[in-house]
Amino acid sequence: MDTFALILTVGIALLFTYTNGFHDSANAIATSVSTRALTPRAALAMAAVMNLAGAFLGSGVAKTVSEGLIETPHGDSGMAILFAGLVGAVIWNMITWYFGLPSSSSHALFGGLVGAALAGGITVFWSGVLEKVVLPMFISPIIGLGLGYLVMCAIMWLFRKANPHRAKRGFRIAQTVSAAGMALGHGLQDAQKTMGVVVMALTIADVQQSDQIPVWVKIVCAMMLSLGTYAGGWRIMRTLGRRIIELDPPQGFAAETTAASVMYTASFMFHAPISTTHVITSAIMGVGATKRVSAVRWGVAKNIVLGWFITMPAAAVSAAVCYWLVLLFFG
């Protein structure tokens, strides 16, 4: 097995993790920054540290990603497919970042892997794609939307007699905790997805036989996600923090708490790789709808949801083209 191909593929996986960090940093901190609970730099620093910590909390999601989606043949063809899938995901991350569209890095990765596999003529386990990717893609936003609405309703009822200004100050402080929880959940989910891909690369190269995640893989994936998070994704942050709805501190706290709860449940109970982008965006919509349905800018929301649906096929096409180019120049 070509050692250079392995090093290059692992390098692209870490680049994907970095783009995932700055692409999805808005997930953790956009609401806290928009409500002025945290300054942008303080929020990014906190999110980077919590992403780093979250990456070490478990390995269930990583094992789910590394098994049961595509066949992973050994040798150069398997490594080329993995490389192309990662490149396709990076390309789509950069495109959506440029346009400020909060699409899912997770689904860009899954779409890239499937597209490269199809281009390479290897088996795609469609039942695994349906169970591990497609169903969570539909279920998690619905839960985020409904739960966000209910959590915000509960907060409004519990604090109905409170002094509004004092309550907002309290929730601004509480948002520091909820944003940290959100960032921890992001690290728990998204760092593990790249860990799973690196394990696939090591298995294809016959470097290891088991699905155990080496300590060095955990460390480098966590650090790259953390560094990417600190770089910040300001374009997407504006979309989540302001363009969907103008959030106040209680709404921001409700959205972050809802999203973090969904991520922890998916990670620890089901080992399901869900999109942090989908969950926080839908939670913001649910929370905003308690104000009044028209308070949510549904036109912006519609464009975001459309982006969710085109992410997997777009990343798949990018990965397929990349695979054919690899064959053309190096096959």
Protein backbone atom coordinates (compact mmCIF):
# COMPACT_ATOMS: atom_id res chain seq x y z
CA MET A 1 0.00 0.00 0.00
CA ASP A 2 1.35 3.43 -0.92
CA THR A 3 2.23 5.21 2.34
CA PHE A 4 2.00 8.56 0.59
CA ALA A 5 -1.63 7.88 -0.38
CA LEU A 6 -2.46 7.08 3.25
CA ILE A 7 -0.75 10.23 4.53
CA LEU A 8 -2.49 12.34 1.86
CA THR A 9 -5.92 10.87 2.69
CA VAL A 10 -5.46 11.40 6.43
CA GLY A 11 -4.31 14.95 5.67
CA ILE A 12 -7.46 15.63 3.63
CA ALA A 13 -9.54 14.17 6.47
CA LEU A 14 -7.94 16.64 8.88
CA LEU A 15 -8.52 19.47 6.38
CA PHE A 16 -12.17 18.45 6.27
CA THR A 17 -12.26 18.58 10.07
CA TYR A 18 -10.78 22.08 10.00
CA THR A 19 -13.38 23.30 7.48
CA ASN A 20 -16.04 21.57 9.58
CA GLY A 21 -14.84 23.61 12.56
CA PHE A 22 -15.07 27.05 10.99
CA HIS A 23 -18.13 26.09 8.94
CA ASP A 24 -20.03 24.87 12.01
CA SER A 25 -18.66 27.19 14.71
CA ALA A 26 -21.83 29.22 14.19
CA ASN A 27 -23.85 26.26 15.45
CA ALA A 28 -22.46 26.64 18.94
CA ILE A 29 -22.12 30.38 19.37
CA ALA A 30 -24.29 32.31 16.88
CA THR A 31 -27.20 32.70 19.30
CA SER A 32 -24.93 33.74 22.20
CA VAL A 33 -23.16 36.34 20.08
CA SER A 34 -26.39 37.69 18.56
CA THR A 35 -27.92 38.18 22.03
CA ARG A 36 -24.64 39.74 23.27
CA ALA A 37 -24.30 37.09 25.96
CA LEU A 38 -20.71 36.61 24.78
CA THR A 39 -18.29 38.62 22.67
CA PRO A 40 -17.39 36.93 19.39
CA ARG A 41 -13.79 36.12 20.35
CA ALA A 42 -14.69 34.91 23.84
CA ALA A 43 -17.43 32.75 22.34
CA LEU A 44 -15.06 31.26 19.76
CA ALA A 45 -12.40 30.53 22.39
CA MET A 46 -14.95 28.83 24.62
CA ALA A 47 -16.35 26.83 21.70
CA ALA A 48 -12.86 25.72 20.62
CA VAL A 49 -12.05 24.42 24.12
CA MET A 50 -15.41 22.64 24.50
CA ASN A 51 -15.13 21.12 21.01
CA LEU A 52 -11.75 19.74 22.04
CA ALA A 53 -13.21 18.27 25.22
CA GLY A 54 -16.28 16.85 23.47
CA ALA A 55 -14.16 14.88 21.03
CA PHE A 56 -12.93 12.64 23.86
CA LEU A 57 -16.33 11.83 25.39
CA GLY A 58 -17.11 8.72 23.36
CA SER A 59 -16.54 6.70 20.20
CA GLY A 60 -19.99 5.34 19.31
CA VAL A 61 -20.61 7.83 16.50
CA ALA A 62 -17.15 7.17 15.00
CA LYS A 63 -17.82 3.43 14.82
CA THR A 64 -21.21 4.08 13.22
CA VAL A 65 -19.55 6.19 10.50
CA SER A 66 -16.71 3.73 9.82
CA GLU A 67 -19.01 0.73 9.35
CA GLY A 68 -22.10 -0.03 7.32
CA LEU A 69 -22.22 2.87 4.82
CA ILE A 70 -19.92 1.80 1.99
CA GLU A 71 -17.72 -1.18 1.24
CA THR A 72 -14.10 -0.37 1.98
CA PRO A 73 -11.89 -2.41 -0.36
CA HIS A 74 -8.22 -2.59 0.50
CA GLY A 75 -5.56 -1.20 -1.78
CA ASP A 76 -5.24 1.88 -3.95
CA SER A 77 -8.84 1.84 -5.21
CA GLY A 78 -10.26 1.96 -1.68
CA MET A 79 -7.95 4.81 -0.68
CA ALA A 80 -8.80 6.74 -3.86
CA ILE A 81 -12.52 6.43 -3.06
CA LEU A 82 -11.99 7.67 0.49
CA PHE A 83 -9.78 10.53 -0.73
CA ALA A 84 -12.32 11.61 -3.35
CA GLY A 85 -15.19 11.46 -0.85
CA LEU A 86 -13.34 13.77 1.53
CA VAL A 87 -12.42 16.22 -1.24
CA GLY A 88 -16.05 16.36 -2.36
CA ALA A 89 -17.10 17.19 1.20
CA VAL A 90 -14.45 19.91 1.54
CA ILE A 91 -15.52 21.50 -1.77
CA TRP A 92 -19.17 21.65 -0.69
CA ASN A 93 -18.22 23.04 2.73
CA MET A 94 -16.30 25.87 1.07
CA ILE A 95 -19.11 26.67 -1.37
CA THR A 96 -21.77 26.83 1.36
CA TRP A 97 -19.45 28.81 3.65
CA TYR A 98 -18.89 31.38 0.88
CA PHE A 99 -22.63 31.91 0.49
CA GLY A 100 -23.28 31.89 4.24
CA LEU A 101 -25.52 28.83 4.01
CA PRO A 102 -25.64 26.71 7.20
CA SER A 103 -25.55 23.34 5.49
CA SER A 104 -24.45 20.14 7.18
CA SER A 105 -20.77 19.19 7.08
CA SER A 106 -21.83 15.74 8.21
CA HIS A 107 -24.10 15.19 5.22
CA ALA A 108 -21.45 16.64 2.91
CA LEU A 109 -19.13 13.91 4.21
CA PHE A 110 -21.72 11.16 3.82
CA GLY A 111 -22.68 12.39 0.36
CA GLY A 112 -19.03 12.53 -0.67
CA LEU A 113 -18.39 8.96 0.47
CA VAL A 114 -21.47 7.63 -1.33
CA GLY A 115 -20.70 9.56 -4.54
CA ALA A 116 -17.10 8.35 -4.64
CA ALA A 117 -18.22 4.77 -3.94
CA LEU A 118 -20.73 4.85 -6.79
CA ALA A 119 -18.11 6.32 -9.14
CA GLY A 120 -15.68 3.61 -8.08
CA GLY A 121 -18.19 0.84 -8.62
CA ILE A 122 -18.12 -0.48 -5.06
CA THR A 123 -21.05 -1.45 -2.89
CA VAL A 124 -23.10 1.21 -1.10
CA PHE A 125 -25.08 -0.23 1.79
CA TRP A 126 -28.31 1.64 1.13
CA SER A 127 -30.00 0.24 4.22
CA GLY A 128 -27.18 1.71 6.30
CA VAL A 129 -27.42 5.05 4.47
CA LEU A 130 -31.18 5.11 5.11
CA GLU A 131 -30.90 4.13 8.77
CA LYS A 132 -27.79 6.13 9.73
CA VAL A 133 -28.09 9.20 7.50
CA VAL A 134 -31.45 9.77 5.81
CA LEU A 135 -33.80 9.00 8.72
CA PRO A 136 -31.83 11.12 11.25
CA MET A 137 -31.74 13.91 8.63
CA PHE A 138 -35.54 14.08 8.73
CA ILE A 139 -36.20 13.13 12.35
CA SER A 140 -33.69 15.34 14.18
CA PRO A 141 -34.90 18.69 12.73
CA ILE A 142 -38.52 17.78 13.48
CA ILE A 143 -37.58 16.98 17.08
CA GLY A 144 -35.50 20.17 17.29
CA LEU A 145 -38.38 22.28 15.97
CA GLY A 146 -41.01 20.78 18.26
CA LEU A 147 -38.81 20.60 21.35
CA GLY A 148 -37.55 24.15 20.85
CA TYR A 149 -41.14 25.39 20.72
CA LEU A 150 -42.07 23.47 23.90
CA VAL A 151 -38.96 24.53 25.84
CA MET A 152 -39.57 28.17 24.99
CA CYS A 153 -43.24 27.87 25.99
CA ALA A 154 -42.14 26.41 29.34
CA ILE A 155 -39.68 29.26 29.92
CA MET A 156 -42.33 31.87 29.08
CA TRP A 157 -44.75 30.27 31.55
CA LEU A 158 -42.20 29.84 34.36
CA PHE A 159 -40.94 33.41 34.09
CA ARG A 160 -44.26 35.05 33.23
CA LYS A 161 -44.19 37.15 36.42
CA ALA A 162 -40.48 37.92 36.41
CA ASN A 163 -39.03 41.35 35.77
CA PRO A 164 -38.21 41.30 32.00
CA HIS A 165 -34.90 43.16 32.30
CA ARG A 166 -33.69 41.07 35.23
CA ALA A 167 -34.77 37.86 33.47
CA LYS A 168 -32.87 38.80 30.31
CA ARG A 169 -29.72 39.49 32.33
CA GLY A 170 -30.05 36.09 33.99
CA PHE A 171 -30.57 34.28 30.71
CA ARG A 172 -27.61 36.11 29.21
CA ILE A 173 -25.44 34.52 31.92
CA ALA A 174 -27.18 31.16 31.48
CA GLN A 175 -26.38 31.28 27.77
CA THR A 176 -22.71 30.92 28.63
CA VAL A 177 -23.54 27.47 29.98
CA SER A 178 -25.93 26.49 27.18
CA ALA A 179 -23.46 27.62 24.48
CA ALA A 180 -20.72 25.57 26.18
CA GLY A 181 -23.05 22.57 26.20
CA MET A 182 -23.77 23.09 22.52
CA ALA A 183 -20.06 23.27 21.68
CA LEU A 184 -19.36 20.14 23.73
CA GLY A 185 -22.09 18.30 21.80
CA HIS A 186 -20.63 19.54 18.51
CA GLY A 187 -17.23 18.11 19.43
CA LEU A 188 -18.86 14.86 20.53
CA GLN A 189 -20.61 14.50 17.16
CA ASP A 190 -18.42 16.03 14.49
CA ALA A 191 -14.90 15.16 15.65
CA GLN A 192 -15.96 11.51 15.86
CA LYS A 193 -17.16 11.51 12.26
CA THR A 194 -13.65 12.33 11.05
CA MET A 195 -12.17 9.82 13.48
CA GLY A 196 -14.33 7.17 11.83
CA VAL A 197 -13.04 8.15 8.37
CA VAL A 198 -9.39 8.05 9.52
CA VAL A 199 -10.00 4.57 10.97
CA MET A 200 -11.37 3.55 7.56
CA ALA A 201 -8.17 4.82 5.92
CA LEU A 202 -5.98 2.92 8.39
CA THR A 203 -8.01 -0.25 7.81
CA ILE A 204 -7.81 0.08 4.02
CA ALA A 205 -4.02 0.50 4.31
CA ASP A 206 -3.78 -2.58 6.58
CA VAL A 207 -2.22 -0.45 9.31
CA GLN A 208 -4.78 -1.78 11.77
CA GLN A 209 -7.43 -4.50 11.72
CA SER A 210 -9.84 -3.44 14.48
CA ASP A 211 -12.32 -0.55 14.62
CA GLN A 212 -10.68 0.87 17.74
CA ILE A 213 -9.73 4.54 17.49
CA PRO A 214 -6.04 5.16 18.23
CA VAL A 215 -5.30 7.89 20.77
CA TRP A 216 -3.33 9.93 18.24
CA VAL A 217 -6.34 9.96 15.89
CA LYS A 218 -8.55 11.33 18.68
CA ILE A 219 -6.00 14.02 19.53
CA VAL A 220 -5.32 15.31 16.00
CA CYS A 221 -9.00 15.25 14.97
CA ALA A 222 -10.02 17.08 18.13
CA MET A 223 -7.28 19.68 17.69
CA MET A 224 -8.12 20.34 14.03
CA LEU A 225 -11.82 20.75 14.80
CA SER A 226 -10.92 23.07 17.67
CA LEU A 227 -8.56 25.16 15.51
CA GLY A 228 -11.17 25.42 12.78
CA THR A 229 -13.77 26.50 15.32
CA TYR A 230 -11.51 29.26 16.61
CA ALA A 231 -11.00 30.50 13.04
CA GLY A 232 -14.72 31.31 13.04
CA GLY A 233 -17.37 31.21 10.35
CA TRP A 234 -18.71 34.75 10.40
CA ARG A 235 -20.79 34.48 7.23
CA ILE A 236 -22.84 31.57 8.57
CA MET A 237 -22.98 33.11 12.04
CA ARG A 238 -24.88 36.09 10.66
CA THR A 239 -27.41 33.79 9.01
CA LEU A 240 -28.12 31.78 12.15
CA GLY A 241 -27.89 34.64 14.63
CA ARG A 242 -29.84 37.35 12.82
CA ARG A 243 -31.41 36.43 9.50
CA ILE A 244 -33.80 33.69 10.68
CA ILE A 245 -35.10 35.68 13.65
CA GLU A 246 -33.84 38.34 16.05
CA LEU A 247 -33.26 36.31 19.21
CA ASP A 248 -33.31 37.57 22.79
CA PRO A 249 -31.38 35.82 25.63
CA PRO A 250 -34.25 33.54 26.79
CA GLN A 251 -34.82 32.42 23.18
CA GLY A 252 -31.11 31.85 22.66
CA PHE A 253 -30.88 29.79 25.84
CA ALA A 254 -33.91 27.71 24.81
CA ALA A 255 -32.52 27.02 21.32
CA GLU A 256 -29.07 26.03 22.57
CA THR A 257 -30.42 23.85 25.38
CA THR A 258 -32.77 22.09 22.98
CA ALA A 259 -30.08 21.42 20.38
CA ALA A 260 -27.53 20.22 22.94
CA SER A 261 -30.08 17.83 24.49
CA VAL A 262 -30.89 16.31 21.10
CA MET A 263 -27.19 15.83 20.29
CA TYR A 264 -26.36 14.16 23.60
CA THR A 265 -29.32 11.83 23.27
CA ALA A 266 -28.38 10.88 19.70
CA SER A 267 -24.72 10.36 20.62
CA PHE A 268 -24.99 8.37 23.83
CA MET A 269 -28.27 6.48 23.40
CA PHE A 270 -28.35 5.76 19.66
CA HIS A 271 -24.75 6.40 18.48
CA ALA A 272 -26.44 8.25 15.60
CA PRO A 273 -24.45 10.75 13.51
CA ILE A 274 -26.84 13.69 13.32
CA SER A 275 -26.28 17.15 11.88
CA THR A 276 -25.62 19.83 14.49
CA THR A 277 -26.54 22.39 11.82
CA HIS A 278 -29.97 20.88 11.26
CA VAL A 279 -30.71 20.61 14.97
CA ILE A 280 -29.73 24.16 16.02
CA THR A 281 -31.37 25.74 12.98
CA SER A 282 -34.67 23.94 13.54
CA ALA A 283 -34.52 24.71 17.28
CA ILE A 284 -34.13 28.41 16.46
CA MET A 285 -37.17 28.20 14.18
CA GLY A 286 -39.22 26.44 16.87
CA VAL A 287 -38.23 28.94 19.54
CA GLY A 288 -38.95 31.88 17.25
CA ALA A 289 -42.40 30.57 16.38
CA THR A 290 -43.51 31.06 20.02
CA LYS A 291 -43.22 34.79 19.51
CA ARG A 292 -45.51 34.59 16.53
CA VAL A 293 -45.29 32.42 13.47
CA SER A 294 -44.61 35.41 11.22
CA ALA A 295 -41.63 36.42 13.39
CA VAL A 296 -39.59 33.68 11.73
CA ARG A 297 -38.28 34.71 8.32
CA TRP A 298 -39.60 31.63 6.57
CA GLY A 299 -38.12 32.69 3.23
CA VAL A 300 -34.63 32.47 4.74
CA ALA A 301 -35.61 29.23 6.49
CA LYS A 302 -36.84 27.77 3.17
CA ASN A 303 -33.48 28.48 1.50
CA ILE A 304 -31.66 26.85 4.41
CA VAL A 305 -33.81 23.72 4.29
CA LEU A 306 -33.35 23.57 0.50
CA GLY A 307 -29.61 23.63 1.13
CA TRP A 308 -30.00 20.65 3.46
CA PHE A 309 -31.61 18.56 0.72
CA ILE A 310 -29.08 19.38 -1.98
CA THR A 311 -26.01 18.90 0.25
CA MET A 312 -25.70 15.13 -0.11
CA PRO A 313 -26.23 14.94 -3.90
CA ALA A 314 -24.03 18.00 -4.51
CA ALA A 315 -21.18 16.59 -2.42
CA ALA A 316 -21.69 13.21 -4.11
CA VAL A 317 -21.30 14.74 -7.57
CA SER A 318 -18.17 16.66 -6.47
CA ALA A 319 -16.67 13.47 -5.05
CA ALA A 320 -17.48 11.45 -8.16
CA VAL A 321 -15.80 14.03 -10.39
CA CYS A 322 -12.78 14.05 -8.08
CA TYR A 323 -12.56 10.24 -8.23
CA TRP A 324 -12.62 10.26 -12.03
CA LEU A 325 -9.88 12.92 -12.05
CA VAL A 326 -7.77 10.79 -9.69
CA LEU A 327 -8.17 7.84 -12.08
CA LEU A 328 -7.35 10.03 -15.09
CA PHE A 329 -4.09 11.38 -13.68
CA PHE A 330 -2.93 8.56 -11.40
CA GLY A 331 -4.87 5.44 -12.49
